[in-house]
Amino acid sequence: MSKSIENLILLQSNIEKLKLLIIELKNENLNINNVLNSKDQLLLKQTNDLKQWKEKYQSLKMANTFLVSNDKSLTKLKINNMIKDLDRCIMNLSS
């Protein structure tokens, strides 16, 4: 009988250790999930920032094409050509 009682006590002790281990692992998992969520939010913010910077870069690139020449008439000609291209695109879309 004493052997059975010792085995039961050992089993109970092991069960308590496993419960504590499960609690620790759940806490660790929660912490990891929190870190992962914050990293996801940071990645989303950085992705949005990158998109905005790309748009700004494209705008600056477009503006730079107009500023290459100091000749205002050439710049006006470029703008007029772009307007004509846009008008043609709108006409094509309308038809």
PDB file of N, CA and C in Angstrom:
ATOM      1  N   MET A   1       0.801  -1.196   0.000  1.00  0.00           N
ATOM      2  CA  MET A   1       0.000   0.000   0.000  1.00  0.00           C
ATOM      3  C   MET A   1       0.843   1.258   0.000  1.00  0.00           C
ATOM      4  N   SER A   2       1.887   1.253   0.736  1.00  0.00           N
ATOM      5  CA  SER A   2       2.713   2.434   0.824  1.00  0.00           C
ATOM      6  C   SER A   2       3.326   2.791  -0.524  1.00  0.00           C
ATOM      7  N   LYS A   3       3.607   1.760  -1.311  1.00  0.00           N
ATOM      8  CA  LYS A   3       4.138   1.997  -2.653  1.00  0.00           C
ATOM      9  C   LYS A   3       3.087   2.702  -3.509  1.00  0.00           C
ATOM     10  N   SER A   4       1.843   2.315  -3.385  1.00  0.00           N
ATOM     11  CA  SER A   4       0.750   2.951  -4.118  1.00  0.00           C
ATOM     12  C   SER A   4       0.585   4.397  -3.693  1.00  0.00           C
ATOM     13  N   ILE A   5       0.692   4.643  -2.430  1.00  0.00           N
ATOM     14  CA  ILE A   5       0.551   6.015  -1.924  1.00  0.00           C
ATOM     15  C   ILE A   5       1.703   6.871  -2.425  1.00  0.00           C
ATOM     16  N   GLU A   6       2.880   6.330  -2.421  1.00  0.00           N
ATOM     17  CA  GLU A   6       4.041   7.071  -2.937  1.00  0.00           C
ATOM     18  C   GLU A   6       3.842   7.399  -4.422  1.00  0.00           C
ATOM     19  N   ASN A   7       3.336   6.432  -5.154  1.00  0.00           N
ATOM     20  CA  ASN A   7       3.088   6.651  -6.585  1.00  0.00           C
ATOM     21  C   ASN A   7       2.021   7.716  -6.790  1.00  0.00           C
ATOM     22  N   LEU A   8       0.996   7.708  -5.990  1.00  0.00           N
ATOM     23  CA  LEU A   8      -0.054   8.719  -6.084  1.00  0.00           C
ATOM     24  C   LEU A   8       0.478  10.106  -5.747  1.00  0.00           C
ATOM     25  N   ILE A   9       1.296  10.182  -4.725  1.00  0.00           N
ATOM     26  CA  ILE A   9       1.897  11.464  -4.334  1.00  0.00           C
ATOM     27  C   ILE A   9       2.817  11.971  -5.449  1.00  0.00           C
ATOM     28  N   LEU A  10       3.587  11.069  -6.011  1.00  0.00           N
ATOM     29  CA  LEU A  10       4.471  11.429  -7.124  1.00  0.00           C
ATOM     30  C   LEU A  10       3.651  11.893  -8.330  1.00  0.00           C
ATOM     31  N   LEU A  11       2.571  11.186  -8.622  1.00  0.00           N
ATOM     32  CA  LEU A  11       1.691  11.558  -9.720  1.00  0.00           C
ATOM     33  C   LEU A  11       1.072  12.935  -9.481  1.00  0.00           C
ATOM     34  N   GLN A  12       0.621  13.165  -8.279  1.00  0.00           N
ATOM     35  CA  GLN A  12       0.031  14.464  -7.938  1.00  0.00           C
ATOM     36  C   GLN A  12       1.074  15.575  -8.078  1.00  0.00           C
ATOM     37  N   SER A  13       2.256  15.312  -7.646  1.00  0.00           N
ATOM     38  CA  SER A  13       3.335  16.296  -7.765  1.00  0.00           C
ATOM     39  C   SER A  13       3.628  16.598  -9.238  1.00  0.00           C
ATOM     40  N   ASN A  14       3.665  15.571 -10.046  1.00  0.00           N
ATOM     41  CA  ASN A  14       3.921  15.749 -11.478  1.00  0.00           C
ATOM     42  C   ASN A  14       2.790  16.520 -12.147  1.00  0.00           C
ATOM     43  N   ILE A  15       1.570  16.235 -11.739  1.00  0.00           N
ATOM     44  CA  ILE A  15       0.431  16.955 -12.297  1.00  0.00           C
ATOM     45  C   ILE A  15       0.519  18.434 -11.942  1.00  0.00           C
ATOM     46  N   GLU A  16       0.882  18.752 -10.731  1.00  0.00           N
ATOM     47  CA  GLU A  16       1.020  20.152 -10.311  1.00  0.00           C
ATOM     48  C   GLU A  16       2.129  20.847 -11.110  1.00  0.00           C
ATOM     49  N   LYS A  17       3.226  20.147 -11.337  1.00  0.00           N
ATOM     50  CA  LYS A  17       4.318  20.707 -12.129  1.00  0.00           C
ATOM     51  C   LYS A  17       3.856  20.974 -13.560  1.00  0.00           C
ATOM     52  N   LEU A  18       3.084  20.030 -14.111  1.00  0.00           N
ATOM     53  CA  LEU A  18       2.579  20.207 -15.464  1.00  0.00           C
ATOM     54  C   LEU A  18       1.614  21.387 -15.547  1.00  0.00           C
ATOM     55  N   LYS A  19       0.782  21.549 -14.526  1.00  0.00           N
ATOM     56  CA  LYS A  19      -0.137  22.694 -14.500  1.00  0.00           C
ATOM     57  C   LYS A  19       0.636  24.002 -14.495  1.00  0.00           C
ATOM     58  N   LEU A  20       1.672  24.061 -13.669  1.00  0.00           N
ATOM     59  CA  LEU A  20       2.497  25.271 -13.626  1.00  0.00           C
ATOM     60  C   LEU A  20       3.190  25.525 -14.957  1.00  0.00           C
ATOM     61  N   LEU A  21       3.658  24.461 -15.565  1.00  0.00           N
ATOM     62  CA  LEU A  21       4.314  24.586 -16.861  1.00  0.00           C
ATOM     63  C   LEU A  21       3.333  25.081 -17.911  1.00  0.00           C
ATOM     64  N   ILE A  22       2.108  24.569 -17.887  1.00  0.00           N
ATOM     65  CA  ILE A  22       1.091  25.014 -18.838  1.00  0.00           C
ATOM     66  C   ILE A  22       0.807  26.494 -18.647  1.00  0.00           C
ATOM     67  N   ILE A  23       0.700  26.940 -17.417  1.00  0.00           N
ATOM     68  CA  ILE A  23       0.447  28.361 -17.136  1.00  0.00           C
ATOM     69  C   ILE A  23       1.603  29.211 -17.658  1.00  0.00           C
ATOM     70  N   GLU A  24       2.817  28.782 -17.407  1.00  0.00           N
ATOM     71  CA  GLU A  24       3.986  29.518 -17.891  1.00  0.00           C
ATOM     72  C   GLU A  24       3.985  29.595 -19.423  1.00  0.00           C
ATOM     73  N   LEU A  25       3.675  28.476 -20.068  1.00  0.00           N
ATOM     74  CA  LEU A  25       3.667  28.450 -21.531  1.00  0.00           C
ATOM     75  C   LEU A  25       2.556  29.323 -22.093  1.00  0.00           C
ATOM     76  N   LYS A  26       1.414  29.344 -21.438  1.00  0.00           N
ATOM     77  CA  LYS A  26       0.327  30.222 -21.884  1.00  0.00           C
ATOM     78  C   LYS A  26       0.741  31.681 -21.770  1.00  0.00           C
ATOM     79  N   ASN A  27       1.391  32.030 -20.679  1.00  0.00           N
ATOM     80  CA  ASN A  27       1.864  33.412 -20.508  1.00  0.00           C
ATOM     81  C   ASN A  27       2.910  33.775 -21.555  1.00  0.00           C
ATOM     82  N   GLU A  28       3.809  32.859 -21.799  1.00  0.00           N
ATOM     83  CA  GLU A  28       4.836  33.095 -22.809  1.00  0.00           C
ATOM     84  C   GLU A  28       4.203  33.247 -24.194  1.00  0.00           C
ATOM     85  N   ASN A  29       3.217  32.417 -24.479  1.00  0.00           N
ATOM     86  CA  ASN A  29       2.515  32.493 -25.749  1.00  0.00           C
ATOM     87  C   ASN A  29       1.794  33.832 -25.889  1.00  0.00           C
ATOM     88  N   LEU A  30       1.181  34.288 -24.818  1.00  0.00           N
ATOM     89  CA  LEU A  30       0.502  35.586 -24.835  1.00  0.00           C
ATOM     90  C   LEU A  30       1.494  36.712 -25.111  1.00  0.00           C
ATOM     91  N   ASN A  31       2.651  36.652 -24.454  1.00  0.00           N
ATOM     92  CA  ASN A  31       3.682  37.667 -24.682  1.00  0.00           C
ATOM     93  C   ASN A  31       4.177  37.645 -26.123  1.00  0.00           C
ATOM     94  N   ILE A  32       4.370  36.467 -26.652  1.00  0.00           N
ATOM     95  CA  ILE A  32       4.834  36.348 -28.033  1.00  0.00           C
ATOM     96  C   ILE A  32       3.776  36.888 -28.991  1.00  0.00           C
ATOM     97  N   ASN A  33       2.508  36.599 -28.721  1.00  0.00           N
ATOM     98  CA  ASN A  33       1.439  37.117 -29.569  1.00  0.00           C
ATOM     99  C   ASN A  33       1.376  38.641 -29.513  1.00  0.00           C
ATOM    100  N   ASN A  34       1.598  39.206 -28.328  1.00  0.00           N
ATOM    101  CA  ASN A  34       1.611  40.667 -28.201  1.00  0.00           C
ATOM    102  C   ASN A  34       2.750  41.280 -29.005  1.00  0.00           C
ATOM    103  N   VAL A  35       3.900  40.671 -28.925  1.00  0.00           N
ATOM    104  CA  VAL A  35       5.056  41.156 -29.691  1.00  0.00           C
ATOM    105  C   VAL A  35       4.771  41.035 -31.188  1.00  0.00           C
ATOM    106  N   LEU A  36       4.203  39.915 -31.576  1.00  0.00           N
ATOM    107  CA  LEU A  36       3.884  39.700 -32.989  1.00  0.00           C
ATOM    108  C   LEU A  36       2.879  40.734 -33.486  1.00  0.00           C
ATOM    109  N   ASN A  37       1.862  41.018 -32.688  1.00  0.00           N
ATOM    110  CA  ASN A  37       0.874  42.023 -33.077  1.00  0.00           C
ATOM    111  C   ASN A  37       1.500  43.403 -33.217  1.00  0.00           C
ATOM    112  N   SER A  38       2.379  43.745 -32.300  1.00  0.00           N
ATOM    113  CA  SER A  38       3.035  45.059 -32.402  1.00  0.00           C
ATOM    114  C   SER A  38       3.946  45.114 -33.632  1.00  0.00           C
ATOM    115  N   LYS A  39       4.603  44.009 -33.946  1.00  0.00           N
ATOM    116  CA  LYS A  39       5.442  43.966 -35.150  1.00  0.00           C
ATOM    117  C   LYS A  39       4.575  44.082 -36.406  1.00  0.00           C
ATOM    118  N   ASP A  40       3.408  43.426 -36.391  1.00  0.00           N
ATOM    119  CA  ASP A  40       2.492  43.525 -37.526  1.00  0.00           C
ATOM    120  C   ASP A  40       2.026  44.961 -37.727  1.00  0.00           C
ATOM    121  N   GLN A  41       1.705  45.643 -36.622  1.00  0.00           N
ATOM    122  CA  GLN A  41       1.276  47.039 -36.719  1.00  0.00           C
ATOM    123  C   GLN A  41       2.400  47.917 -37.237  1.00  0.00           C
ATOM    124  N   LEU A  42       3.603  47.664 -36.767  1.00  0.00           N
ATOM    125  CA  LEU A  42       4.755  48.435 -37.238  1.00  0.00           C
ATOM    126  C   LEU A  42       4.982  48.190 -38.723  1.00  0.00           C
ATOM    127  N   LEU A  43       4.868  46.945 -39.149  1.00  0.00           N
ATOM    128  CA  LEU A  43       5.042  46.618 -40.567  1.00  0.00           C
ATOM    129  C   LEU A  43       3.984  47.298 -41.417  1.00  0.00           C
ATOM    130  N   LEU A  44       2.745  47.310 -40.951  1.00  0.00           N
ATOM    131  CA  LEU A  44       1.670  47.968 -41.678  1.00  0.00           C
ATOM    132  C   LEU A  44       1.934  49.469 -41.791  1.00  0.00           C
ATOM    133  N   LYS A  45       2.380  50.078 -40.698  1.00  0.00           N
ATOM    134  CA  LYS A  45       2.694  51.509 -40.720  1.00  0.00           C
ATOM    135  C   LYS A  45       3.840  51.791 -41.679  1.00  0.00           C
ATOM    136  N   GLN A  46       4.868  50.961 -41.632  1.00  0.00           N
ATOM    137  CA  GLN A  46       6.012  51.168 -42.517  1.00  0.00           C
ATOM    138  C   GLN A  46       5.630  50.943 -43.977  1.00  0.00           C
ATOM    139  N   THR A  47       4.735  50.003 -44.231  1.00  0.00           N
ATOM    140  CA  THR A  47       4.267  49.767 -45.590  1.00  0.00           C
ATOM    141  C   THR A  47       3.511  50.987 -46.105  1.00  0.00           C
ATOM    142  N   ASN A  48       2.652  51.552 -45.242  1.00  0.00           N
ATOM    143  CA  ASN A  48       1.918  52.758 -45.632  1.00  0.00           C
ATOM    144  C   ASN A  48       2.871  53.936 -45.848  1.00  0.00           C
ATOM    145  N   ASP A  49       3.857  54.057 -44.972  1.00  0.00           N
ATOM    146  CA  ASP A  49       4.850  55.124 -45.135  1.00  0.00           C
ATOM    147  C   ASP A  49       5.604  54.968 -46.449  1.00  0.00           C
ATOM    148  N   LEU A  50       5.987  53.737 -46.755  1.00  0.00           N
ATOM    149  CA  LEU A  50       6.709  53.479 -48.001  1.00  0.00           C
ATOM    150  C   LEU A  50       5.852  53.857 -49.200  1.00  0.00           C
ATOM    151  N   LYS A  51       4.575  53.520 -49.145  1.00  0.00           N
ATOM    152  CA  LYS A  51       3.669  53.862 -50.245  1.00  0.00           C
ATOM    153  C   LYS A  51       3.590  55.378 -50.418  1.00  0.00           C
ATOM    154  N   GLN A  52       3.481  56.100 -49.297  1.00  0.00           N
ATOM    155  CA  GLN A  52       3.419  57.566 -49.368  1.00  0.00           C
ATOM    156  C   GLN A  52       4.720  58.142 -49.924  1.00  0.00           C
ATOM    157  N   TRP A  53       5.853  57.586 -49.500  1.00  0.00           N
ATOM    158  CA  TRP A  53       7.131  58.092 -49.999  1.00  0.00           C
ATOM    159  C   TRP A  53       7.291  57.814 -51.491  1.00  0.00           C
ATOM    160  N   LYS A  54       6.792  56.658 -51.928  1.00  0.00           N
ATOM    161  CA  LYS A  54       6.858  56.352 -53.364  1.00  0.00           C
ATOM    162  C   LYS A  54       6.009  57.343 -54.158  1.00  0.00           C
ATOM    163  N   GLU A  55       4.830  57.682 -53.618  1.00  0.00           N
ATOM    164  CA  GLU A  55       3.980  58.655 -54.302  1.00  0.00           C
ATOM    165  C   GLU A  55       4.656  60.021 -54.351  1.00  0.00           C
ATOM    166  N   LYS A  56       5.281  60.419 -53.246  1.00  0.00           N
ATOM    167  CA  LYS A  56       5.995  61.697 -53.222  1.00  0.00           C
ATOM    168  C   LYS A  56       7.161  61.682 -54.209  1.00  0.00           C
ATOM    169  N   TYR A  57       7.859  60.543 -54.268  1.00  0.00           N
ATOM    170  CA  TYR A  57       8.976  60.423 -55.193  1.00  0.00           C
ATOM    171  C   TYR A  57       8.507  60.566 -56.632  1.00  0.00           C
ATOM    172  N   GLN A  58       7.379  59.913 -56.954  1.00  0.00           N
ATOM    173  CA  GLN A  58       6.845  60.016 -58.309  1.00  0.00           C
ATOM    174  C   GLN A  58       6.456  61.461 -58.622  1.00  0.00           C
ATOM    175  N   SER A  59       5.859  62.147 -57.642  1.00  0.00           N
ATOM    176  CA  SER A  59       5.488  63.546 -57.851  1.00  0.00           C
ATOM    177  C   SER A  59       6.721  64.404 -58.089  1.00  0.00           C
ATOM    178  N   LEU A  60       7.760  64.168 -57.288  1.00  0.00           N
ATOM    179  CA  LEU A  60       8.996  64.929 -57.463  1.00  0.00           C
ATOM    180  C   LEU A  60       9.653  64.615 -58.799  1.00  0.00           C
ATOM    181  N   LYS A  61       9.588  63.356 -59.197  1.00  0.00           N
ATOM    182  CA  LYS A  61      10.150  62.976 -60.482  1.00  0.00           C
ATOM    183  C   LYS A  61       9.419  63.683 -61.620  1.00  0.00           C
ATOM    184  N   MET A  62       8.088  63.738 -61.501  1.00  0.00           N
ATOM    185  CA  MET A  62       7.291  64.415 -62.526  1.00  0.00           C
ATOM    186  C   MET A  62       7.623  65.908 -62.534  1.00  0.00           C
ATOM    187  N   ALA A  63       7.712  66.509 -61.364  1.00  0.00           N
ATOM    188  CA  ALA A  63       8.023  67.931 -61.291  1.00  0.00           C
ATOM    189  C   ALA A  63       9.412  68.204 -61.850  1.00  0.00           C
ATOM    190  N   ASN A  64      10.323  67.296 -61.611  1.00  0.00           N
ATOM    191  CA  ASN A  64      11.694  67.478 -62.085  1.00  0.00           C
ATOM    192  C   ASN A  64      11.758  67.454 -63.609  1.00  0.00           C
ATOM    193  N   THR A  65      10.890  66.685 -64.249  1.00  0.00           N
ATOM    194  CA  THR A  65      10.907  66.661 -65.705  1.00  0.00           C
ATOM    195  C   THR A  65      10.527  68.026 -66.270  1.00  0.00           C
ATOM    196  N   PHE A  66       9.685  68.765 -65.537  1.00  0.00           N
ATOM    197  CA  PHE A  66       9.309  70.102 -65.992  1.00  0.00           C
ATOM    198  C   PHE A  66      10.391  71.131 -65.689  1.00  0.00           C
ATOM    199  N   LEU A  67      11.176  70.874 -64.681  1.00  0.00           N
ATOM    200  CA  LEU A  67      12.183  71.850 -64.272  1.00  0.00           C
ATOM    201  C   LEU A  67      13.538  71.631 -64.935  1.00  0.00           C
ATOM    202  N   VAL A  68      13.627  70.607 -65.774  1.00  0.00           N
ATOM    203  CA  VAL A  68      14.902  70.332 -66.435  1.00  0.00           C
ATOM    204  C   VAL A  68      15.323  71.521 -67.272  1.00  0.00           C
ATOM    205  N   SER A  69      14.346  72.121 -67.887  1.00  0.00           N
ATOM    206  CA  SER A  69      14.654  73.260 -68.741  1.00  0.00           C
ATOM    207  C   SER A  69      14.188  74.546 -68.062  1.00  0.00           C
ATOM    208  N   ASN A  70      14.969  75.595 -68.221  1.00  0.00           N
ATOM    209  CA  ASN A  70      14.564  76.893 -67.699  1.00  0.00           C
ATOM    210  C   ASN A  70      13.640  77.609 -68.674  1.00  0.00           C
ATOM    211  N   ASP A  71      13.435  77.013 -69.827  1.00  0.00           N
ATOM    212  CA  ASP A  71      12.601  77.595 -70.858  1.00  0.00           C
ATOM    213  C   ASP A  71      11.122  77.374 -70.507  1.00  0.00           C
ATOM    214  N   LYS A  72      10.408  78.471 -70.215  1.00  0.00           N
ATOM    215  CA  LYS A  72       9.006  78.365 -69.817  1.00  0.00           C
ATOM    216  C   LYS A  72       8.131  77.873 -70.954  1.00  0.00           C
ATOM    217  N   SER A  73       8.471  78.232 -72.164  1.00  0.00           N
ATOM    218  CA  SER A  73       7.645  77.797 -73.294  1.00  0.00           C
ATOM    219  C   SER A  73       7.742  76.278 -73.478  1.00  0.00           C
ATOM    220  N   LEU A  74       8.899  75.707 -73.229  1.00  0.00           N
ATOM    221  CA  LEU A  74       9.062  74.256 -73.326  1.00  0.00           C
ATOM    222  C   LEU A  74       8.252  73.570 -72.231  1.00  0.00           C
ATOM    223  N   THR A  75       8.264  74.139 -71.046  1.00  0.00           N
ATOM    224  CA  THR A  75       7.476  73.585 -69.947  1.00  0.00           C
ATOM    225  C   THR A  75       5.990  73.659 -70.267  1.00  0.00           C
ATOM    226  N   LYS A  76       5.535  74.803 -70.802  1.00  0.00           N
ATOM    227  CA  LYS A  76       4.129  74.951 -71.187  1.00  0.00           C
ATOM    228  C   LYS A  76       3.763  73.941 -72.264  1.00  0.00           C
ATOM    229  N   LEU A  77       4.662  73.712 -73.198  1.00  0.00           N
ATOM    230  CA  LEU A  77       4.423  72.749 -74.267  1.00  0.00           C
ATOM    231  C   LEU A  77       4.268  71.339 -73.697  1.00  0.00           C
ATOM    232  N   LYS A  78       5.123  70.989 -72.751  1.00  0.00           N
ATOM    233  CA  LYS A  78       5.017  69.676 -72.125  1.00  0.00           C
ATOM    234  C   LYS A  78       3.679  69.513 -71.402  1.00  0.00           C
ATOM    235  N   ILE A  79       3.275  70.543 -70.678  1.00  0.00           N
ATOM    236  CA  ILE A  79       2.007  70.498 -69.941  1.00  0.00           C
ATOM    237  C   ILE A  79       0.841  70.392 -70.919  1.00  0.00           C
ATOM    238  N   ASN A  80       0.884  71.175 -71.984  1.00  0.00           N
ATOM    239  CA  ASN A  80      -0.186  71.102 -72.984  1.00  0.00           C
ATOM    240  C   ASN A  80      -0.270  69.727 -73.629  1.00  0.00           C
ATOM    241  N   ASN A  81       0.877  69.131 -73.901  1.00  0.00           N
ATOM    242  CA  ASN A  81       0.880  67.782 -74.480  1.00  0.00           C
ATOM    243  C   ASN A  81       0.280  66.771 -73.504  1.00  0.00           C
ATOM    244  N   MET A  82       0.597  66.929 -72.253  1.00  0.00           N
ATOM    245  CA  MET A  82       0.025  66.037 -71.247  1.00  0.00           C
ATOM    246  C   MET A  82      -1.491  66.219 -71.172  1.00  0.00           C
ATOM    247  N   ILE A  83      -1.961  67.452 -71.228  1.00  0.00           N
ATOM    248  CA  ILE A  83      -3.407  67.723 -71.195  1.00  0.00           C
ATOM    249  C   ILE A  83      -4.078  67.095 -72.406  1.00  0.00           C
ATOM    250  N   LYS A  84      -3.451  67.222 -73.584  1.00  0.00           N
ATOM    251  CA  LYS A  84      -4.018  66.614 -74.789  1.00  0.00           C
ATOM    252  C   LYS A  84      -4.085  65.094 -74.653  1.00  0.00           C
ATOM    253  N   ASP A  85      -3.029  64.494 -74.077  1.00  0.00           N
ATOM    254  CA  ASP A  85      -3.034  63.047 -73.864  1.00  0.00           C
ATOM    255  C   ASP A  85      -4.153  62.642 -72.904  1.00  0.00           C
ATOM    256  N   LEU A  86      -4.330  63.425 -71.867  1.00  0.00           N
ATOM    257  CA  LEU A  86      -5.414  63.145 -70.918  1.00  0.00           C
ATOM    258  C   LEU A  86      -6.779  63.278 -71.586  1.00  0.00           C
ATOM    259  N   ASP A  87      -6.931  64.309 -72.407  1.00  0.00           N
ATOM    260  CA  ASP A  87      -8.204  64.499 -73.128  1.00  0.00           C
ATOM    261  C   ASP A  87      -8.481  63.298 -74.031  1.00  0.00           C
ATOM    262  N   ARG A  88      -7.446  62.813 -74.715  1.00  0.00           N
ATOM    263  CA  ARG A  88      -7.633  61.668 -75.594  1.00  0.00           C
ATOM    264  C   ARG A  88      -8.008  60.418 -74.779  1.00  0.00           C
ATOM    265  N   CYS A  89      -7.392  60.251 -73.630  1.00  0.00           N
ATOM    266  CA  CYS A  89      -7.730  59.111 -72.774  1.00  0.00           C
ATOM    267  C   CYS A  89      -9.178  59.206 -72.307  1.00  0.00           C
ATOM    268  N   ILE A  90      -9.601  60.390 -71.919  1.00  0.00           N
ATOM    269  CA  ILE A  90     -10.982  60.583 -71.459  1.00  0.00           C
ATOM    270  C   ILE A  90     -11.946  60.318 -72.609  1.00  0.00           C
ATOM    271  N   MET A  91     -11.626  60.775 -73.784  1.00  0.00           N
ATOM    272  CA  MET A  91     -12.496  60.526 -74.950  1.00  0.00           C
ATOM    273  C   MET A  91     -12.589  59.044 -75.245  1.00  0.00           C
ATOM    274  N   ASN A  92     -11.462  58.332 -75.141  1.00  0.00           N
ATOM    275  CA  ASN A  92     -11.470  56.886 -75.367  1.00  0.00           C
ATOM    276  C   ASN A  92     -12.297  56.152 -74.319  1.00  0.00           C
ATOM    277  N   LEU A  93     -12.210  56.611 -73.093  1.00  0.00           N
ATOM    278  CA  LEU A  93     -13.003  55.994 -72.040  1.00  0.00           C
ATOM    279  C   LEU A  93     -14.488  56.292 -72.189  1.00  0.00           C
ATOM    280  N   SER A  94     -14.805  57.470 -72.694  1.00  0.00           N
ATOM    281  CA  SER A  94     -16.205  57.873 -72.858  1.00  0.00           C
ATOM    282  C   SER A  94     -16.881  57.101 -73.979  1.00  0.00           C
ATOM    283  N   SER A  95     -16.125  56.752 -75.006  1.00  0.00           N
ATOM    284  CA  SER A  95     -16.740  56.088 -76.165  1.00  0.00           C
ATOM    285  C   SER A  95     -16.849  54.593 -75.982  1.00  0.00           C
TER     286      SER A  95
END
